Every structure is written in C-alpha cells, then in structure tokens.
Protein backbone atom coordinates (compact mmCIF):
# COMPACT_ATOMS: atom_id res chain seq x y z
CA MET A 1 -19.82 -23.46 -31.27
CA THR A 2 -22.55 -21.45 -29.57
CA LYS A 3 -24.56 -24.65 -29.05
CA SER A 4 -21.64 -26.23 -27.23
CA ILE A 5 -21.25 -23.15 -24.98
CA VAL A 6 -24.97 -23.16 -24.18
CA ALA A 7 -24.83 -26.89 -23.45
CA LEU A 8 -21.83 -26.33 -21.19
CA PHE A 9 -23.67 -23.67 -19.18
CA GLN A 10 -26.77 -25.86 -18.93
CA ASN A 11 -24.70 -28.79 -17.70
CA ALA A 12 -22.93 -26.60 -15.16
CA SER A 13 -26.21 -25.19 -13.86
CA GLN A 14 -27.71 -28.68 -13.54
CA VAL A 15 -24.67 -29.88 -11.59
CA ALA A 16 -24.91 -26.85 -9.28
CA VAL A 17 -28.62 -27.48 -8.71
CA THR A 18 -28.09 -31.16 -7.88
CA ASP A 19 -25.15 -30.33 -5.59
CA SER A 20 -27.09 -27.68 -3.72
CA ALA A 21 -30.14 -29.91 -3.46
CA ALA A 22 -28.07 -32.76 -2.03
CA THR A 23 -26.26 -30.65 0.58
CA GLY A 24 -28.77 -27.89 1.17
CA THR A 25 -26.19 -25.18 0.46
CA VAL A 26 -24.27 -23.85 -2.47
CA SER A 27 -20.68 -24.97 -2.24
CA THR A 28 -17.58 -23.55 -3.83
CA ALA A 29 -14.14 -24.92 -4.41
CA TYR A 30 -12.69 -22.74 -1.66
CA ASP A 31 -15.11 -23.36 1.18
CA SER A 32 -12.94 -26.10 2.66
CA LEU A 33 -10.30 -23.48 3.40
CA TRP A 34 -12.63 -21.52 5.65
CA THR A 35 -14.68 -24.17 7.44
CA GLY A 36 -13.25 -25.22 10.74
CA ALA A 37 -9.64 -25.25 9.64
CA ASP A 38 -7.22 -24.73 12.48
CA ILE A 39 -5.26 -21.68 11.41
CA PRO A 40 -2.28 -21.00 13.66
CA THR A 41 -2.38 -17.53 15.19
CA GLN A 42 0.01 -15.54 17.35
CA ALA A 43 -0.41 -12.55 19.59
CA PRO A 44 0.04 -9.21 17.81
CA SER A 45 3.25 -7.32 18.45
CA ALA A 46 3.33 -3.87 20.02
CA LEU A 47 3.46 -2.14 16.64
CA GLU A 48 0.55 -4.21 15.36
CA GLN A 49 -1.47 -3.33 18.46
CA VAL A 50 -0.89 0.37 17.81
CA MET A 51 -1.76 0.08 14.14
CA LEU A 52 -4.84 -2.03 14.80
CA SER A 53 -6.21 0.18 17.56
CA ASP A 54 -9.35 2.22 17.08
CA GLU A 55 -7.55 5.56 17.05
CA LYS A 56 -5.55 5.08 13.87
CA ILE A 57 -5.76 8.77 13.00
CA PHE A 58 -2.95 9.49 15.45
CA VAL A 59 -0.71 6.97 13.71
CA VAL A 60 -1.49 8.56 10.36
CA LEU A 61 -0.80 12.03 11.75
CA ALA A 62 2.51 10.90 13.23
CA VAL A 63 3.64 9.43 9.91
CA VAL A 64 2.61 12.57 8.02
CA LEU A 65 4.41 14.74 10.59
CA ILE A 66 7.60 12.71 10.20
CA ILE A 67 7.42 13.04 6.42
CA TRP A 68 6.90 16.83 6.62
CA ILE A 69 9.79 17.25 9.04
CA GLY A 70 12.01 15.27 6.65
CA VAL A 71 10.97 17.42 3.68
CA ILE A 72 11.59 20.65 5.61
CA LEU A 73 15.02 19.47 6.78
CA LEU A 74 15.92 18.49 3.22
CA ILE A 75 14.92 21.92 1.91
CA LEU A 76 16.84 23.76 4.64
CA ARG A 77 19.95 21.65 4.07
CA THR A 78 19.81 22.21 0.32
CA ASP A 79 19.36 25.96 0.84
CA ARG A 80 22.40 26.07 3.13
CA HIS A 81 24.54 24.25 0.56
CA LEU A 82 23.38 26.53 -2.24
CA THR A 83 24.20 29.60 -0.17
CA ARG A 84 27.74 28.30 0.35
CA VAL A 85 28.15 27.63 -3.37
CA GLU A 86 26.83 31.10 -4.25
CA ARG A 87 29.31 32.74 -1.84
CA SER A 88 32.16 30.66 -3.22
CA VAL A 89 31.30 31.59 -6.79
CA ALA A 90 30.93 35.29 -5.91
CA GLU A 91 34.35 35.33 -4.19
CA ASN A 92 36.22 33.48 -6.93
CA ILE A 93 34.85 35.21 -10.03
CA PRO A 94 36.58 38.49 -10.75
CA ASP A 95 34.61 41.68 -11.28
CA ALA A 96 33.49 42.69 -14.76
CA ASP A 97 35.68 45.88 -14.57
CA ASP A 98 38.94 44.43 -15.85
CA GLY A 99 39.85 47.42 -18.03
CA LEU A 100 38.83 46.16 -21.41
C-alpha cells in the first residue's frame, strides 16, 4: 500500500513538472475563475460606502453605543417593573402582627 501511495505522489509530481514546463507557470484547477473573467459588478450602496470607508472606527463606535443604550434601557425598564411589583406585594400582604 505504501508503494502505491509513493508511486501516486511521484506520478503527480511528474505531471506537475511537465505541466509547468509546458506553460511556464504552475496552474491550478481554480485559476480559470480568476483570469480575465468578466464578473458583473454594481456600485456600492450608501451603507456599503460607509462601512467600506477608511474611518470604520466610527461605525464600530456607533454600533457599540447603540448596544449600550439598549442594555441600559432594558435594565431601567426592568427595575421600574420590579419596583411596581414590590410595592404591590408590600400593599397586599398583611402585617405579621395578626394577634397570634
């Protein structure tokens, strides 16, 4: 089995050497995708222009700021609801002094 693997590698290297000698370059199976193919392109949208600009740090900062504002609003809203529930529970539960 190891002889067949070694023979396979030798055959593959000989084919690569003859191919590169014939064309002058090493070719791959995917090079036809990248050589001179007409790839349709379109102009970037406004959002893409902002994201692809050189000053991307401002975009990152804006996204982080939006996330932090959302987290803070969520915490404040939850705190307000918990305060209402605590007041409701305190008003509806009778005192421990019931004469027992």
